[in-house]
Amino acid sequence: MHTFPPAADVVVIGAGQAGLSAGFHLLRRGFAPAATAPPGARTFLMLDGEDGPGGAWRHRWRSLRMSTVNDIYDLPGIEQRDVDPESPSVDVLPAYFADYERELGLAVVRPARVRQVRWDDDGEHVVVETAGGPSVRARAVVNATGTWSKPFWPHYPGQETFRGRQLHTADYVRAEDFAGQRVGVVGGGISALQLMEEISHVGSTTWFTRREPVFVDGEFGPRSGHDAVARVEERVRAGLPPLSVVAATGLVKTPYVRALEDRGLLVRHPMFARIVPDGVVMPDGTTVGLDVLFWNTGFRAALDHLRPLRLREPGGGIRMDGTQVAGEPRVHLVGYGPSSSTVGANRAGRDAVNALVRHLA
C-alpha cells in the first residue's frame, strides 16, 4: 500500500503528457511535491495508475515507430534526445517520460489507481480516494487520465455468437498474430488503416466503416490542426462529448494509406447488419466469412472516477471553459477534448496551473 500525505493543495491524476505538463508548471509556480515540501509551502501530489512511466505509450504496439507516430512534442522544459526514427515508440517515449520525472523530481506515486473523487463534507475541498490505499484531501484537482484505459466497443446483434477472435486496438500486439486469417477491420480512423496495412501482408482484410471516410491530400498541418481544435472546443463548451480528430479533419493520405491504395486494398464496405458465428451479414443479406473481428472504434475519456462530482451535462459531455469545468474552478480536465493532442496537452497543463494559481490565491 502506498503512503502519502493526507492533504495537498492540488492533486494531479495521471502522469502522461498532460499530467507531466501540469507537474512541470506547478513546480515553476512555486508548488512542491507534498511528501517533501517544507512547512508552509504550496503542495501538489501526482497519482498515476500505471506500473511505470510513459502513460499510454507503454501499451503501443512495437511496429509503431518514431517515424510513423503522429507529431510528438517535447515535454515542457526538457527536450527529447535524438533517437533512431525506426526505434519503437514503446521503447523511446516511456524512457523519455521516466527521465523527465526523475530530473524534475515530480515524485509520482504509482501504481495508484483512483477509485473516486468526491466533494468533502465541508463543501470546499475534494477527496481523492485510491483503490486499496489512502485518500488525499485537496483544494483542487487536475485530471489527466486520457482515454487509453477506456476502449469503446460498439454492440451489434449476434456479437456474442461469433466463434472467432474479437479484439480492440488496445489489444493489438503484432501483425504475425493474424497470419492466414480473414480479418474484418472495423473503424475509419488512423489506427484502423495503419494496422490494416500491416495485417494485410500476412492475412486477408475487409474494411468496414459507418461513414464513407473523407481523405485529405497533404499533411496534417497547423491550419487543419487549428480547425480541428476549434470544432472540438465548440462542442465541449456546449457540454457535448468531444469529437475525434479524424471526425473534425478527415484522414490524411499517409504512406500506409497510399500503400493500401496502390495494392487495391483501400476498399471500404458499409457496416454489417449483424454478426453470425462465422462472419458478418451485410445489409443486402450476403455473408462475409471472418476469423477475426478487429474493432478500431476509438476510446472514450476515462472519467468514471469523477462521477460523484456530477459534472456531466444532459448532452452527455462535460461543459468546459478552457481546461476548467465550467462554473467549477476546483476541477480541471487536461488532455480532454481540444487538449487531447500532444501539443494541446502541454498547453493545457500550463493553462490549468495558471488558472489554479489565480483561484487558490
Protein backbone atom coordinates (compact mmCIF):
# COMPACT_ATOMS: atom_id res chain seq x y z
CA MET A 1 0.00 0.00 0.00
CA HIS A 2 1.24 3.48 -0.86
CA THR A 3 1.67 6.14 1.76
CA PHE A 4 1.44 9.83 1.01
CA PRO A 5 0.40 12.98 2.84
CA PRO A 6 -3.33 13.18 3.65
CA ALA A 7 -3.64 16.65 2.15
CA ALA A 8 -2.27 18.75 -0.73
CA ASP A 9 -3.26 21.95 -2.44
CA VAL A 10 -3.51 20.25 -5.84
CA VAL A 11 -3.81 16.58 -6.81
CA VAL A 12 -2.87 15.64 -10.38
CA ILE A 13 -4.43 12.35 -11.52
CA GLY A 14 -2.44 10.78 -14.35
CA ALA A 15 1.19 11.17 -15.44
CA GLY A 16 1.00 11.04 -19.20
CA GLN A 17 1.85 14.04 -21.37
CA ALA A 18 -0.84 16.31 -19.90
CA GLY A 19 -0.21 15.31 -16.30
CA LEU A 20 3.54 15.79 -16.57
CA SER A 21 2.99 19.20 -18.14
CA ALA A 22 0.82 20.16 -15.17
CA GLY A 23 3.52 18.92 -12.80
CA PHE A 24 6.18 20.99 -14.56
CA HIS A 25 4.14 24.17 -14.36
CA LEU A 26 3.21 23.58 -10.72
CA LEU A 27 6.91 23.43 -9.92
CA ARG A 28 7.52 26.62 -11.89
CA ARG A 29 4.79 28.42 -9.97
CA GLY A 30 6.30 27.55 -6.62
CA PHE A 31 4.44 24.38 -5.64
CA ALA A 32 6.41 21.49 -4.13
CA PRO A 33 5.76 17.71 -4.04
CA ALA A 34 3.66 17.12 -0.93
CA ALA A 35 5.89 14.39 0.52
CA THR A 36 8.98 16.60 0.68
CA ALA A 37 7.57 20.11 0.90
CA PRO A 38 8.88 22.46 3.61
CA PRO A 39 6.35 23.83 6.14
CA GLY A 40 4.11 26.49 4.69
CA ALA A 41 4.78 25.62 1.04
CA ARG A 42 2.05 25.19 -1.53
CA THR A 43 1.94 21.49 -2.41
CA PHE A 44 0.90 19.07 -5.11
CA LEU A 45 0.62 15.29 -5.33
CA MET A 46 0.78 13.29 -8.57
CA LEU A 47 -1.00 9.91 -8.73
CA ASP A 48 -0.68 7.55 -11.69
CA GLY A 49 -2.43 4.24 -12.26
CA GLU A 50 0.30 2.76 -14.46
CA ASP A 51 3.05 0.44 -13.21
CA GLY A 52 5.73 2.73 -14.63
CA PRO A 53 6.28 6.00 -16.54
CA GLY A 54 5.06 6.56 -20.09
CA GLY A 55 1.28 6.83 -19.90
CA ALA A 56 -0.47 5.21 -22.85
CA TRP A 57 2.81 4.92 -24.75
CA ARG A 58 3.66 1.94 -22.52
CA HIS A 59 0.98 -0.06 -24.33
CA ARG A 60 1.53 0.77 -28.01
CA TRP A 61 2.48 -1.95 -30.46
CA ARG A 62 6.16 -2.39 -31.28
CA SER A 63 5.67 -1.73 -35.00
CA LEU A 64 4.67 1.86 -34.18
CA ARG A 65 7.99 3.55 -34.87
CA MET A 66 9.05 7.06 -34.01
CA SER A 67 8.97 7.85 -37.72
CA THR A 68 5.30 6.91 -38.02
CA VAL A 69 3.72 8.23 -34.83
CA ASN A 70 1.82 11.49 -35.14
CA ASP A 71 3.89 14.53 -34.19
CA ILE A 72 5.21 14.01 -30.67
CA TYR A 73 6.08 17.25 -28.99
CA ASP A 74 8.70 17.60 -26.30
CA LEU A 75 7.50 17.79 -22.74
CA PRO A 76 7.91 21.34 -21.41
CA GLY A 77 11.39 22.25 -20.24
CA ILE A 78 13.33 19.16 -21.34
CA GLU A 79 13.82 18.17 -24.98
CA GLN A 80 13.84 14.61 -26.24
CA ARG A 81 17.23 13.19 -27.09
CA ASP A 82 17.95 12.36 -30.73
CA VAL A 83 16.67 8.88 -31.49
CA ASP A 84 16.67 6.49 -34.42
CA PRO A 85 13.43 7.15 -36.35
CA GLU A 86 13.00 3.38 -36.65
CA SER A 87 13.03 2.86 -32.88
CA PRO A 88 9.74 1.56 -31.44
CA SER A 89 7.82 4.34 -29.67
CA VAL A 90 7.08 1.87 -26.84
CA ASP A 91 10.81 1.92 -26.02
CA VAL A 92 11.63 5.58 -26.61
CA LEU A 93 8.78 7.54 -25.08
CA PRO A 94 8.37 5.74 -21.72
CA ALA A 95 12.14 6.13 -21.20
CA TYR A 96 11.86 9.86 -22.01
CA PHE A 97 8.96 10.24 -19.57
CA ALA A 98 10.92 8.38 -16.86
CA ASP A 99 13.95 10.66 -17.30
CA TYR A 100 11.66 13.69 -17.20
CA GLU A 101 10.03 12.66 -13.91
CA ARG A 102 13.39 11.93 -12.34
CA GLU A 103 15.12 15.13 -13.46
CA LEU A 104 12.28 17.33 -12.22
CA GLY A 105 11.72 15.36 -9.03
CA LEU A 106 7.96 15.10 -9.56
CA ALA A 107 7.65 12.22 -7.04
CA VAL A 108 4.85 10.47 -8.97
CA VAL A 109 3.09 7.86 -6.81
CA ARG A 110 2.31 4.65 -8.72
CA PRO A 111 0.55 2.41 -9.28
CA ALA A 112 -2.09 4.50 -7.52
CA ARG A 113 -5.45 3.87 -9.17
CA VAL A 114 -8.02 6.47 -8.27
CA ARG A 115 -11.32 4.88 -7.32
CA GLN A 116 -13.36 8.05 -6.99
CA VAL A 117 -13.20 11.79 -6.48
CA ARG A 118 -15.92 13.32 -4.32
CA TRP A 119 -16.70 16.58 -2.59
CA ASP A 120 -15.59 16.78 1.01
CA ASP A 121 -18.21 17.30 3.71
CA ASP A 122 -17.04 20.89 4.14
CA GLY A 123 -18.13 21.70 0.58
CA GLU A 124 -14.80 23.41 -0.11
CA HIS A 125 -12.38 20.56 -0.77
CA VAL A 126 -12.27 17.43 -2.90
CA VAL A 127 -11.33 13.99 -1.60
CA VAL A 128 -9.38 11.70 -3.93
CA GLU A 129 -9.77 8.04 -2.94
CA THR A 130 -7.36 5.42 -4.26
CA ALA A 131 -8.20 1.74 -4.72
CA GLY A 132 -6.92 -0.20 -1.74
CA GLY A 133 -4.95 2.79 -0.48
CA PRO A 134 -5.29 6.06 1.39
CA SER A 135 -7.23 9.15 0.43
CA VAL A 136 -5.98 12.69 0.00
CA ARG A 137 -7.89 15.91 0.63
CA ALA A 138 -7.18 18.72 -1.82
CA ARG A 139 -8.22 22.24 -2.68
CA ALA A 140 -8.27 21.40 -6.41
CA VAL A 141 -7.77 18.51 -8.80
CA VAL A 142 -6.24 18.31 -12.27
CA ASN A 143 -7.49 15.23 -14.08
CA ALA A 144 -5.17 13.87 -16.79
CA THR A 145 -6.32 10.27 -17.21
CA GLY A 146 -6.59 10.30 -21.01
CA THR A 147 -8.56 7.67 -22.92
CA TRP A 148 -6.40 4.56 -23.41
CA SER A 149 -7.86 2.73 -20.42
CA LYS A 150 -11.40 3.07 -21.79
CA PRO A 151 -11.65 1.48 -25.27
CA PHE A 152 -15.05 1.80 -26.90
CA TRP A 153 -16.70 -1.43 -28.05
CA PRO A 154 -19.89 -0.93 -30.08
CA HIS A 155 -22.52 -3.67 -29.93
CA TYR A 156 -24.06 -5.38 -32.94
CA PRO A 157 -26.73 -8.10 -32.94
CA GLY A 158 -25.22 -11.56 -32.66
CA GLN A 159 -21.85 -10.32 -31.40
CA GLU A 160 -21.77 -12.85 -28.58
CA THR A 161 -22.23 -15.75 -31.05
CA PHE A 162 -19.05 -15.07 -33.03
CA ARG A 163 -16.72 -18.10 -32.78
CA GLY A 164 -13.61 -16.25 -33.92
CA ARG A 165 -11.43 -13.78 -32.09
CA GLN A 166 -12.53 -10.26 -31.22
CA LEU A 167 -10.05 -7.61 -30.14
CA HIS A 168 -9.73 -3.84 -29.87
CA THR A 169 -6.91 -1.52 -30.94
CA ALA A 170 -5.82 -1.51 -27.29
CA ASP A 171 -5.20 -5.29 -27.52
CA TYR A 172 -3.06 -5.25 -30.68
CA VAL A 173 0.48 -6.63 -30.39
CA ARG A 174 1.76 -7.66 -33.83
CA ALA A 175 0.57 -8.49 -37.34
CA GLU A 176 2.01 -12.03 -37.21
CA ASP A 177 -0.78 -13.00 -34.83
CA PHE A 178 -3.20 -12.78 -37.79
CA ALA A 179 -1.25 -14.94 -40.24
CA GLY A 180 -3.51 -16.78 -42.66
CA GLN A 181 -6.71 -15.38 -41.14
CA ARG A 182 -9.65 -13.45 -42.56
CA VAL A 183 -9.75 -10.20 -40.60
CA GLY A 184 -12.63 -7.74 -40.51
CA VAL A 185 -11.16 -4.32 -39.66
CA VAL A 186 -13.83 -2.04 -38.18
CA GLY A 187 -13.27 1.73 -37.94
CA GLY A 188 -12.46 4.77 -40.03
CA GLY A 189 -9.53 6.25 -38.12
CA ILE A 190 -5.76 6.38 -38.34
CA SER A 191 -5.14 3.25 -36.30
CA ALA A 192 -7.58 1.16 -38.36
CA LEU A 193 -5.77 1.91 -41.60
CA GLN A 194 -2.25 1.68 -40.24
CA LEU A 195 -2.90 -1.70 -38.65
CA MET A 196 -4.90 -2.98 -41.62
CA GLU A 197 -1.89 -2.26 -43.83
CA GLU A 198 0.33 -4.31 -41.51
CA ILE A 199 -2.11 -7.20 -41.21
CA SER A 200 -2.79 -7.31 -44.96
CA HIS A 201 0.73 -8.64 -45.55
CA VAL A 202 0.05 -11.82 -43.56
CA GLY A 203 -3.73 -12.27 -43.79
CA SER A 204 -6.74 -11.11 -45.79
CA THR A 205 -8.53 -7.92 -44.68
CA THR A 206 -12.01 -6.48 -45.18
CA TRP A 207 -12.59 -2.89 -44.08
CA PHE A 208 -15.90 -1.73 -42.55
CA THR A 209 -16.89 1.82 -41.53
CA ARG A 210 -20.15 3.50 -40.58
CA ARG A 211 -19.41 6.51 -42.78
CA GLU A 212 -17.53 6.99 -46.01
CA PRO A 213 -14.13 8.36 -44.88
CA VAL A 214 -13.03 11.77 -46.12
CA PHE A 215 -9.44 11.64 -47.32
CA VAL A 216 -7.26 14.74 -47.33
CA ASP A 217 -4.18 15.10 -49.51
CA GLY A 218 -1.06 16.56 -47.96
CA GLU A 219 -0.19 16.60 -44.28
CA PHE A 220 -1.93 17.35 -41.03
CA GLY A 221 -0.57 20.87 -40.62
CA PRO A 222 -1.13 23.82 -38.31
CA ARG A 223 -4.20 25.05 -40.18
CA SER A 224 -6.05 21.74 -40.12
CA GLY A 225 -4.99 21.23 -36.51
CA HIS A 226 -6.30 24.64 -35.52
CA ASP A 227 -9.64 23.97 -37.24
CA ALA A 228 -9.97 20.58 -35.52
CA VAL A 229 -9.28 22.04 -32.08
CA ALA A 230 -11.80 24.84 -32.69
CA ARG A 231 -14.55 22.35 -33.59
CA VAL A 232 -13.88 20.15 -30.59
CA GLU A 233 -13.69 23.16 -28.28
CA GLU A 234 -17.07 24.37 -29.54
CA ARG A 235 -18.59 21.03 -28.59
CA VAL A 236 -17.17 20.85 -25.08
CA ARG A 237 -18.20 24.43 -24.38
CA ALA A 238 -21.74 23.28 -25.15
CA GLY A 239 -21.46 20.26 -22.85
CA LEU A 240 -21.35 17.73 -25.69
CA PRO A 241 -18.95 14.76 -25.92
CA PRO A 242 -15.80 15.75 -27.85
CA LEU A 243 -15.25 14.61 -31.43
CA SER A 244 -12.21 12.68 -32.56
CA VAL A 245 -9.57 14.50 -34.60
CA VAL A 246 -10.44 12.41 -37.67
CA ALA A 247 -14.11 13.38 -37.38
CA ALA A 248 -13.06 17.02 -37.38
CA THR A 249 -10.35 16.96 -40.06
CA GLY A 250 -10.65 13.88 -42.25
CA LEU A 251 -7.98 11.25 -42.92
CA VAL A 252 -4.61 12.31 -44.27
CA LYS A 253 -3.24 10.10 -47.06
CA THR A 254 -0.24 8.85 -45.15
CA PRO A 255 2.29 6.43 -46.69
CA TYR A 256 0.43 3.40 -45.30
CA VAL A 257 -2.87 4.69 -46.70
CA ARG A 258 -1.25 5.13 -50.12
CA ALA A 259 0.27 1.66 -49.83
CA LEU A 260 -3.19 0.17 -49.27
CA GLU A 261 -4.50 2.19 -52.20
CA ASP A 262 -1.68 1.08 -54.51
CA ARG A 263 -2.32 -2.58 -53.64
CA GLY A 264 -6.06 -2.24 -54.26
CA LEU A 265 -6.91 -2.86 -50.60
CA LEU A 266 -8.33 0.54 -49.67
CA VAL A 267 -11.88 -0.68 -50.26
CA ARG A 268 -14.44 0.48 -47.74
CA HIS A 269 -17.55 -1.58 -47.00
CA PRO A 270 -20.59 -0.28 -45.11
CA MET A 271 -21.20 -1.64 -41.62
CA PHE A 272 -22.72 -5.09 -41.39
CA ALA A 273 -26.24 -5.60 -40.09
CA ARG A 274 -25.43 -8.41 -37.69
CA ILE A 275 -22.75 -10.86 -36.61
CA VAL A 276 -23.02 -14.63 -37.05
CA PRO A 277 -20.76 -17.41 -35.71
CA ASP A 278 -18.53 -17.50 -38.81
CA GLY A 279 -18.65 -13.88 -40.01
CA VAL A 280 -20.98 -10.95 -40.60
CA VAL A 281 -24.18 -10.42 -42.57
CA MET A 282 -24.26 -7.33 -44.76
CA PRO A 283 -27.34 -5.09 -45.22
CA ASP A 284 -28.09 -6.83 -48.55
CA GLY A 285 -28.16 -10.24 -46.83
CA THR A 286 -24.83 -11.54 -48.10
CA THR A 287 -22.41 -13.11 -45.62
CA VAL A 288 -18.73 -12.25 -45.31
CA GLY A 289 -16.74 -15.04 -43.68
CA LEU A 290 -14.31 -13.88 -40.98
CA ASP A 291 -11.95 -15.41 -38.45
CA VAL A 292 -11.28 -12.16 -36.58
CA LEU A 293 -13.24 -9.01 -35.79
CA PHE A 294 -10.78 -6.19 -35.11
CA TRP A 295 -12.56 -3.21 -33.53
CA ASN A 296 -10.67 0.05 -34.16
CA THR A 297 -13.58 2.02 -32.77
CA GLY A 298 -11.82 4.55 -30.63
CA PHE A 299 -11.70 5.42 -26.98
CA ARG A 300 -13.73 7.45 -24.53
CA ALA A 301 -12.42 9.81 -21.86
CA ALA A 302 -11.59 7.83 -18.70
CA LEU A 303 -13.63 9.89 -16.27
CA ASP A 304 -15.72 7.34 -14.37
CA HIS A 305 -13.89 8.16 -11.13
CA LEU A 306 -15.22 11.73 -11.36
CA ARG A 307 -18.85 10.60 -11.41
CA PRO A 308 -19.53 11.55 -7.74
CA LEU A 309 -18.76 15.19 -8.66
CA ARG A 310 -21.79 15.22 -11.01
CA LEU A 311 -20.06 17.14 -13.77
CA ARG A 312 -21.87 15.77 -16.84
CA GLU A 313 -24.40 17.81 -18.77
CA PRO A 314 -27.66 16.47 -20.27
CA GLY A 315 -25.89 16.33 -23.65
CA GLY A 316 -23.57 13.64 -22.32
CA GLY A 317 -20.39 15.69 -22.09
CA ILE A 318 -18.82 17.99 -19.55
CA ARG A 319 -19.21 21.71 -20.25
CA MET A 320 -15.77 23.25 -20.31
CA ASP A 321 -14.31 26.74 -20.10
CA GLY A 322 -10.76 26.19 -21.27
CA THR A 323 -9.34 23.46 -19.05
CA GLN A 324 -11.74 24.28 -16.22
CA VAL A 325 -15.08 22.57 -15.78
CA ALA A 326 -17.47 25.46 -16.40
CA GLY A 327 -18.51 27.06 -13.13
CA GLU A 328 -16.17 24.84 -11.09
CA PRO A 329 -12.69 26.36 -10.64
CA ARG A 330 -11.55 23.48 -8.41
CA VAL A 331 -11.69 20.89 -11.22
CA HIS A 332 -9.61 20.99 -14.41
CA LEU A 333 -9.51 18.41 -17.20
CA VAL A 334 -6.29 18.30 -19.24
CA GLY A 335 -5.84 16.00 -22.20
CA TYR A 336 -9.62 16.12 -22.65
CA GLY A 337 -11.41 17.33 -25.76
CA PRO A 338 -9.43 20.07 -27.54
CA SER A 339 -6.31 19.35 -25.45
CA SER A 340 -6.13 15.63 -26.32
CA SER A 341 -3.23 16.10 -28.79
CA THR A 342 0.35 16.13 -27.54
CA VAL A 343 0.91 19.84 -28.13
CA GLY A 344 -2.56 20.56 -26.76
CA ALA A 345 -1.77 18.56 -23.62
CA ASN A 346 1.35 20.65 -22.99
CA ARG A 347 -0.60 23.89 -23.25
CA ALA A 348 -3.44 22.53 -21.16
CA GLY A 349 -1.10 21.73 -18.28
CA ARG A 350 0.18 25.29 -18.33
CA ASP A 351 -3.29 26.84 -18.63
CA ALA A 352 -4.73 24.72 -15.82
CA VAL A 353 -1.94 25.66 -13.43
CA ASN A 354 -2.21 29.36 -14.28
CA ALA A 355 -5.94 29.26 -13.56
CA LEU A 356 -5.41 27.34 -10.31
CA VAL A 357 -2.83 29.83 -9.09
CA ARG A 358 -5.42 32.58 -9.52
CA HIS A 359 -8.14 30.53 -7.81
CA LEU A 360 -6.04 29.37 -4.86
CA ALA A 361 -4.78 32.89 -4.22
